[in-house]
C-alpha atoms as a PDB file:
ATOM      1  CA  MET A   1      81.636  74.133 129.099  1.00  0.00           C
ATOM      2  CA  PRO A   2      84.895  73.114 127.333  1.00  0.00           C
ATOM      3  CA  ARG A   3      82.961  72.359 124.141  1.00  0.00           C
ATOM      4  CA  PHE A   4      81.233  75.771 124.218  1.00  0.00           C
ATOM      5  CA  TYR A   5      84.563  77.484 124.939  1.00  0.00           C
ATOM      6  CA  GLY A   6      86.245  75.652 122.068  1.00  0.00           C
ATOM      7  CA  GLN A   7      83.482  76.670 119.664  1.00  0.00           C
ATOM      8  CA  ALA A   8      83.738  80.302 120.787  1.00  0.00           C
ATOM      9  CA  MET A   9      87.499  80.278 120.227  1.00  0.00           C
ATOM     10  CA  LYS A  10      86.992  78.775 116.775  1.00  0.00           C
ATOM     11  CA  HIS A  11      84.501  81.523 115.917  1.00  0.00           C
ATOM     12  CA  ARG A  12      86.870  84.151 117.293  1.00  0.00           C
ATOM     13  CA  GLN A  13      89.735  82.925 115.108  1.00  0.00           C
ATOM     14  CA  ARG A  14      87.565  82.742 111.973  1.00  0.00           C
ATOM     15  CA  ILE A  15      86.153  86.222 112.561  1.00  0.00           C
ATOM     16  CA  THR A  16      89.585  87.704 113.265  1.00  0.00           C
ATOM     17  CA  GLU A  17      91.196  86.126 110.191  1.00  0.00           C
ATOM     18  CA  GLU A  18      88.392  87.169 107.834  1.00  0.00           C
ATOM     19  CA  ALA A  19      88.226  90.687 109.285  1.00  0.00           C
ATOM     20  CA  ALA A  20      91.986  91.031 108.731  1.00  0.00           C
ATOM     21  CA  LEU A  21      91.566  90.134 105.053  1.00  0.00           C
ATOM     22  CA  MET A  22      88.609  92.472 104.547  1.00  0.00           C
ATOM     23  CA  PHE A  23      90.141  95.401 106.439  1.00  0.00           C
ATOM     24  CA  SER A  24      93.379  95.061 104.479  1.00  0.00           C
ATOM     25  CA  MET A  25      91.546  94.878 101.164  1.00  0.00           C
ATOM     26  CA  TYR A  26      88.793  97.493 101.591  1.00  0.00           C
ATOM     27  CA  GLY A  27      89.781  99.624 104.569  1.00  0.00           C
ATOM     28  CA  ILE A  28      88.339  99.577 108.076  1.00  0.00           C
ATOM     29  CA  ARG A  29      85.490 102.060 107.670  1.00  0.00           C
ATOM     30  CA  ALA A  30      84.221 100.401 104.488  1.00  0.00           C
ATOM     31  CA  VAL A  31      83.772  97.015 106.174  1.00  0.00           C
ATOM     32  CA  THR A  32      80.585  96.668 108.238  1.00  0.00           C
ATOM     33  CA  MET A  33      79.677  93.931 110.700  1.00  0.00           C
ATOM     34  CA  ASP A  34      76.873  92.936 108.316  1.00  0.00           C
ATOM     35  CA  MET A  35      79.398  92.451 105.496  1.00  0.00           C
ATOM     36  CA  LEU A  36      81.651  90.411 107.753  1.00  0.00           C
ATOM     37  CA  ALA A  37      78.789  88.234 108.991  1.00  0.00           C
ATOM     38  CA  SER A  38      77.613  87.648 105.423  1.00  0.00           C
ATOM     39  CA  ARG A  39      81.112  86.646 104.280  1.00  0.00           C
ATOM     40  CA  LEU A  40      81.441  84.213 107.190  1.00  0.00           C
ATOM     41  CA  ARG A  41      77.845  82.989 106.860  1.00  0.00           C
ATOM     42  CA  ILE A  42      77.160  83.559 110.531  1.00  0.00           C
ATOM     43  CA  SER A  43      74.820  85.949 112.306  1.00  0.00           C
ATOM     44  CA  LYS A  44      75.908  89.433 113.281  1.00  0.00           C
ATOM     45  CA  ARG A  45      74.806  88.531 116.805  1.00  0.00           C
ATOM     46  CA  THR A  46      77.497  85.825 116.914  1.00  0.00           C
ATOM     47  CA  ILE A  47      80.147  88.455 116.161  1.00  0.00           C
ATOM     48  CA  TYR A  48      78.851  90.776 118.875  1.00  0.00           C
ATOM     49  CA  GLU A  49      78.825  87.920 121.385  1.00  0.00           C
ATOM     50  CA  ILE A  50      82.594  87.680 120.921  1.00  0.00           C
ATOM     51  CA  PHE A  51      83.559  91.293 120.146  1.00  0.00           C
ATOM     52  CA  HIS A  52      81.848  94.175 121.907  1.00  0.00           C
ATOM     53  CA  ASP A  53      82.343  96.547 118.976  1.00  0.00           C
ATOM     54  CA  LYS A  54      84.395  97.146 115.842  1.00  0.00           C
ATOM     55  CA  ASP A  55      87.278  98.705 117.760  1.00  0.00           C
ATOM     56  CA  GLU A  56      87.641  95.561 119.868  1.00  0.00           C
ATOM     57  CA  LEU A  57      87.616  93.487 116.689  1.00  0.00           C
ATOM     58  CA  LEU A  58      90.249  95.745 115.101  1.00  0.00           C
ATOM     59  CA  ALA A  59      92.472  95.428 118.178  1.00  0.00           C
ATOM     60  CA  ALA A  60      92.207  91.626 117.915  1.00  0.00           C
ATOM     61  CA  VAL A  61      93.084  91.807 114.214  1.00  0.00           C
ATOM     62  CA  LEU A  62      96.155  93.946 114.893  1.00  0.00           C
ATOM     63  CA  ARG A  63      97.284  91.702 117.735  1.00  0.00           C
ATOM     64  CA  ARG A  64      97.033  88.670 115.450  1.00  0.00           C
ATOM     65  CA  MET A  65      98.955  90.488 112.733  1.00  0.00           C
ATOM     66  CA  GLY A  66     101.588  91.374 115.312  1.00  0.00           C
ATOM     67  CA  GLU A  67     101.867  87.769 116.501  1.00  0.00           C
ATOM     68  CA  LYS A  68     102.324  86.495 112.950  1.00  0.00           C
ATOM     69  CA  GLN A  69     104.929  89.108 112.150  1.00  0.00           C
ATOM     70  CA  LYS A  70     106.873  88.471 115.355  1.00  0.00           C
ATOM     71  CA  GLU A  71     106.918  84.745 114.572  1.00  0.00           C
ATOM     72  CA  LEU A  72     108.222  85.512 111.081  1.00  0.00           C
ATOM     73  CA  VAL A  73     110.813  87.982 112.375  1.00  0.00           C
ATOM     74  CA  SER A  74     111.994  85.386 114.910  1.00  0.00           C
ATOM     75  CA  ARG A  75     112.430  82.807 112.143  1.00  0.00           C
ATOM     76  CA  ILE A  76     114.336  85.308 110.000  1.00  0.00           C
ATOM     77  CA  PHE A  77     116.557  86.301 112.919  1.00  0.00           C
ATOM     78  CA  SER A  78     117.402  82.728 113.897  1.00  0.00           C
ATOM     79  CA  GLY A  79     117.795  81.541 110.295  1.00  0.00           C
ATOM     80  CA  SER A  80     120.150  84.303 109.106  1.00  0.00           C
ATOM     81  CA  GLU A  81     123.904  83.812 108.906  1.00  0.00           C
ATOM     82  CA  ASN A  82     124.494  87.281 110.354  1.00  0.00           C
ATOM     83  CA  VAL A  83     122.552  90.271 111.574  1.00  0.00           C
ATOM     84  CA  ILE A  84     123.054  92.257 108.352  1.00  0.00           C
ATOM     85  CA  GLU A  85     121.426  89.477 106.331  1.00  0.00           C
ATOM     86  CA  ALA A  86     118.537  89.494 108.830  1.00  0.00           C
ATOM     87  CA  ILE A  87     118.061  93.258 108.455  1.00  0.00           C
ATOM     88  CA  PHE A  88     117.872  93.042 104.662  1.00  0.00           C
ATOM     89  CA  SER A  89     115.349  90.215 105.033  1.00  0.00           C
ATOM     90  CA  PHE A  90     113.347  92.562 107.274  1.00  0.00           C
ATOM     91  CA  PHE A  91     113.312  95.116 104.444  1.00  0.00           C
ATOM     92  CA  GLU A  92     111.711  92.515 102.181  1.00  0.00           C
ATOM     93  CA  LEU A  93     109.219  91.638 104.920  1.00  0.00           C
ATOM     94  CA  MET A  94     108.191  95.282 105.283  1.00  0.00           C
ATOM     95  CA  ASP A  95     107.772  95.698 101.520  1.00  0.00           C
ATOM     96  CA  GLU A  96     105.565  92.604 101.385  1.00  0.00           C
ATOM     97  CA  HIS A  97     103.629  93.677 104.470  1.00  0.00           C
ATOM     98  CA  TYR A  98     102.720  97.081 103.043  1.00  0.00           C
ATOM     99  CA  SER A  99     102.097  95.886  99.493  1.00  0.00           C
ATOM    100  CA  ARG A 100      99.283  93.665 100.817  1.00  0.00           C
ATOM    101  CA  MET A 101      97.548  96.550 102.587  1.00  0.00           C
ATOM    102  CA  SER A 102      95.279  98.962 100.781  1.00  0.00           C
ATOM    103  CA  PRO A 103      95.900 102.707 101.196  1.00  0.00           C
ATOM    104  CA  ALA A 104      92.380 102.907 102.690  1.00  0.00           C
ATOM    105  CA  PHE A 105      93.376 100.586 105.549  1.00  0.00           C
ATOM    106  CA  ARG A 106      96.485 102.591 106.364  1.00  0.00           C
ATOM    107  CA  LEU A 107      94.637 105.898 106.129  1.00  0.00           C
ATOM    108  CA  ASP A 108      91.827 104.650 108.396  1.00  0.00           C
ATOM    109  CA  MET A 109      94.382 103.457 110.930  1.00  0.00           C
ATOM    110  CA  LYS A 110      96.078 106.839 110.921  1.00  0.00           C
ATOM    111  CA  ASN A 111      92.974 109.040 111.025  1.00  0.00           C
ATOM    112  CA  TYR A 112      90.425 107.179 113.132  1.00  0.00           C
ATOM    113  CA  HIS A 113      92.087 104.722 115.487  1.00  0.00           C
ATOM    114  CA  HIS A 114      94.702 106.660 117.453  1.00  0.00           C
ATOM    115  CA  ASP A 115      93.798 105.153 120.844  1.00  0.00           C
ATOM    116  CA  ILE A 116      94.054 101.563 119.612  1.00  0.00           C
ATOM    117  CA  ILE A 117      97.393 102.254 117.955  1.00  0.00           C
ATOM    118  CA  ARG A 118      98.717 103.955 121.104  1.00  0.00           C
ATOM    119  CA  ARG A 119      97.673 101.069 123.377  1.00  0.00           C
ATOM    120  CA  LEU A 120      99.179  98.436 121.114  1.00  0.00           C
ATOM    121  CA  ARG A 121     102.415 100.390 120.781  1.00  0.00           C
ATOM    122  CA  GLU A 122     102.691 100.656 124.565  1.00  0.00           C
ATOM    123  CA  THR A 123     102.327  96.864 124.890  1.00  0.00           C
ATOM    124  CA  ASP A 124     104.577  96.174 121.869  1.00  0.00           C
ATOM    125  CA  GLU A 125     101.734  94.479 119.970  1.00  0.00           C
ATOM    126  CA  LEU A 126     101.653  96.628 116.845  1.00  0.00           C
ATOM    127  CA  PRO A 127     103.234  94.926 113.799  1.00  0.00           C
ATOM    128  CA  LEU A 128     106.897  95.784 113.236  1.00  0.00           C
ATOM    129  CA  TYR A 129     107.101  97.741 116.511  1.00  0.00           C
ATOM    130  CA  SER A 130     109.567  95.512 118.301  1.00  0.00           C
ATOM    131  CA  ASP A 131     112.656  95.846 120.454  1.00  0.00           C
ATOM    132  CA  ASN A 132     115.823  95.938 118.341  1.00  0.00           C
ATOM    133  CA  ALA A 133     118.233  95.695 121.291  1.00  0.00           C
ATOM    134  CA  ALA A 134     118.837  91.962 120.739  1.00  0.00           C
ATOM    135  CA  MET A 135     119.593  92.626 117.077  1.00  0.00           C
ATOM    136  CA  ILE A 136     122.079  95.380 117.957  1.00  0.00           C
ATOM    137  CA  GLU A 137     123.764  93.264 120.632  1.00  0.00           C
ATOM    138  CA  ARG A 138     124.065  90.358 118.194  1.00  0.00           C
ATOM    139  CA  GLY A 139     125.673  92.695 115.658  1.00  0.00           C
ATOM    140  CA  ILE A 140     128.237  93.785 118.240  1.00  0.00           C
ATOM    141  CA  GLU A 141     128.991  90.158 119.178  1.00  0.00           C
ATOM    142  CA  GLU A 142     129.424  89.256 115.498  1.00  0.00           C
ATOM    143  CA  GLY A 143     131.806  92.164 115.007  1.00  0.00           C
ATOM    144  CA  VAL A 144     129.645  93.870 112.362  1.00  0.00           C
ATOM    145  CA  PHE A 145     128.539  96.738 114.654  1.00  0.00           C
ATOM    146  CA  ARG A 146     131.031  98.877 116.567  1.00  0.00           C
ATOM    147  CA  SER A 147     131.502  97.887 120.196  1.00  0.00           C
ATOM    148  CA  ASP A 148     131.502 101.536 121.345  1.00  0.00           C
ATOM    149  CA  ILE A 149     127.896 102.289 120.324  1.00  0.00           C
ATOM    150  CA  ASP A 150     125.242 102.825 123.002  1.00  0.00           C
ATOM    151  CA  VAL A 151     122.706  99.993 122.585  1.00  0.00           C
ATOM    152  CA  THR A 152     119.872 101.911 124.280  1.00  0.00           C
ATOM    153  CA  ILE A 153     120.278 105.036 122.151  1.00  0.00           C
ATOM    154  CA  THR A 154     120.773 103.052 118.932  1.00  0.00           C
ATOM    155  CA  ASN A 155     117.692 100.965 119.702  1.00  0.00           C
ATOM    156  CA  LYS A 156     115.627 104.127 120.163  1.00  0.00           C
ATOM    157  CA  CYS A 157     116.905 105.511 116.843  1.00  0.00           C
ATOM    158  CA  PHE A 158     115.805 102.348 115.032  1.00  0.00           C
ATOM    159  CA  PHE A 159     112.418 102.540 116.753  1.00  0.00           C
ATOM    160  CA  GLU A 160     111.951 106.193 115.794  1.00  0.00           C
ATOM    161  CA  MET A 161     112.804 105.468 112.147  1.00  0.00           C
ATOM    162  CA  LEU A 162     110.099 102.775 112.080  1.00  0.00           C
ATOM    163  CA  ARG A 163     107.653 105.075 113.856  1.00  0.00           C
ATOM    164  CA  ILE A 164     108.210 107.848 111.320  1.00  0.00           C
ATOM    165  CA  LEU A 165     107.608 105.434 108.454  1.00  0.00           C
ATOM    166  CA  LEU A 166     104.407 104.040 109.958  1.00  0.00           C
ATOM    167  CA  ASP A 167     103.069 107.399 111.149  1.00  0.00           C
ATOM    168  CA  LYS A 168     103.596 108.892 107.696  1.00  0.00           C
ATOM    169  CA  ASP A 169     101.814 105.965 106.077  1.00  0.00           C
ATOM    170  CA  GLY A 170      98.743 107.168 104.265  1.00  0.00           C
ATOM    171  CA  GLU A 171     100.440 110.445 103.405  1.00  0.00           C
ATOM    172  CA  GLY A 172     102.045 110.795 100.019  1.00  0.00           C
ATOM    173  CA  ASP A 173     101.220 107.245  98.916  1.00  0.00           C
ATOM    174  CA  SER A 174     101.399 108.541  95.356  1.00  0.00           C
ATOM    175  CA  ASP A 175     105.142 109.053  95.828  1.00  0.00           C
ATOM    176  CA  PRO A 176     106.761 105.694  94.958  1.00  0.00           C
ATOM    177  CA  ASP A 177     110.162 106.878  96.214  1.00  0.00           C
ATOM    178  CA  ARG A 178     109.091 107.443  99.837  1.00  0.00           C
ATOM    179  CA  LYS A 179     109.886 103.924 101.056  1.00  0.00           C
ATOM    180  CA  HIS A 180     113.130 103.918  99.038  1.00  0.00           C
ATOM    181  CA  ILE A 181     114.141 107.130 100.810  1.00  0.00           C
ATOM    182  CA  PHE A 182     113.435 105.477 104.173  1.00  0.00           C
ATOM    183  CA  ARG A 183     115.458 102.409 103.140  1.00  0.00           C
ATOM    184  CA  ASP A 184     118.424 104.545 102.066  1.00  0.00           C
ATOM    185  CA  PHE A 185     118.292 106.518 105.312  1.00  0.00           C
ATOM    186  CA  TYR A 186     118.158 103.288 107.337  1.00  0.00           C
ATOM    187  CA  ILE A 187     121.100 101.780 105.445  1.00  0.00           C
ATOM    188  CA  ASN A 188     123.161 104.945 105.863  1.00  0.00           C
ATOM    189  CA  TYR A 189     122.467 104.843 109.602  1.00  0.00           C
ATOM    190  CA  LEU A 190     123.646 101.216 109.640  1.00  0.00           C
ATOM    191  CA  ARG A 191     126.844 102.281 107.918  1.00  0.00           C
ATOM    192  CA  GLY A 192     127.478 104.764 110.705  1.00  0.00           C
ATOM    193  CA  ILE A 193     127.422 102.072 113.414  1.00  0.00           C
ATOM    194  CA  SER A 194     129.152  99.330 111.404  1.00  0.00           C
ATOM    195  CA  THR A 195     132.698  97.997 111.446  1.00  0.00           C
ATOM    196  CA  PRO A 196     134.616  97.493 108.160  1.00  0.00           C
ATOM    197  CA  GLU A 197     133.322  93.894 108.119  1.00  0.00           C
ATOM    198  CA  GLY A 198     129.784  95.173 108.590  1.00  0.00           C
ATOM    199  CA  LEU A 199     130.206  97.676 105.763  1.00  0.00           C
ATOM    200  CA  ASP A 200     131.312  94.890 103.427  1.00  0.00           C
ATOM    201  CA  LEU A 201     128.219  92.850 104.355  1.00  0.00           C
ATOM    202  CA  ILE A 202     125.925  95.853 103.814  1.00  0.00           C
ATOM    203  CA  ASP A 203     127.358  96.374 100.330  1.00  0.00           C
ATOM    204  CA  PHE A 204     127.039  92.649  99.547  1.00  0.00           C
ATOM    205  CA  TYR A 205     123.392  92.280 100.610  1.00  0.00           C
ATOM    206  CA  ASN A 206     122.432  95.649  99.134  1.00  0.00           C
ATOM    207  CA  ARG A 207     123.751  94.563  95.726  1.00  0.00           C
ATOM    208  CA  LYS A 208     122.216  91.095  96.059  1.00  0.00           C
ATOM    209  CA  GLN A 209     118.777  92.432  96.956  1.00  0.00           C
ATOM    210  CA  GLY A 210     118.960  95.044  94.206  1.00  0.00           C
ATOM    211  CA  ILE A 211     119.686  92.364  91.607  1.00  0.00           C
ATOM    212  CA  GLU A 212     116.855  90.154  92.918  1.00  0.00           C
ATOM    213  CA  ASN A 213     114.378  93.042  92.854  1.00  0.00           C
ATOM    214  CA  GLN A 214     115.441  93.928  89.313  1.00  0.00           C
ATOM    215  CA  ASN A 215     114.972  90.321  88.162  1.00  0.00           C
ATOM    216  CA  ASN A 216     111.548  90.126  89.843  1.00  0.00           C
ATOM    217  CA  SER A 217     110.520  93.355  88.131  1.00  0.00           C
ATOM    218  CA  ILE A 218     111.583  91.986  84.743  1.00  0.00           C
ATOM    219  CA  LYS A 219     109.617  88.755  85.325  1.00  0.00           C
ATOM    220  CA  LYS A 220     106.529  90.726  86.364  1.00  0.00           C
ATOM    221  CA  ASN A 221     106.650  92.899  83.232  1.00  0.00           C
ATOM    222  CA  ASN A 222     107.134  89.948  80.849  1.00  0.00           C
END
């Protein structure tokens, strides 16, 4: 029994990881179970023995993506000198996260998988949908966020800004300024809850990240 269980778990991990790559690259609707089985060199029956249908597989893929992102966010949070540095690292994480996903994947998520998205949001399993209360409280303790702000309300504002970004994903992807607009709005909101020390840190990391992005763009074009 343990050997059979271990083999099933191994298959489940392989299927989930490969499905994540294929969904991200081609979109969800374009990837069939036959394609996935062929890529993995296993039978389609093996996939259906582990996942009842494609929606169950997609939910497993999103949960795994969420786990990986939460692990990364935790490392960023614990490894940052201050909460402002962590937030700017999160911006880079989001840019990388979305650059790896095809527009087809994001559009399929938006148009055809509302129930899965809703369930995963309710259980806090959707990537980048996490509680920001600890981040806000840390900022207050560090003296970079004002002590008079309401943590609950501020946390909800951060959540709603992320929700708007993710819900709009798939719309207007031809507009390269959309994510920059979101970033500017987010930073301006941070300024509103920051102390003078926090404002100095925002300016510092904003300039630093801008210079790094400019240098990366130059390297890419050369």
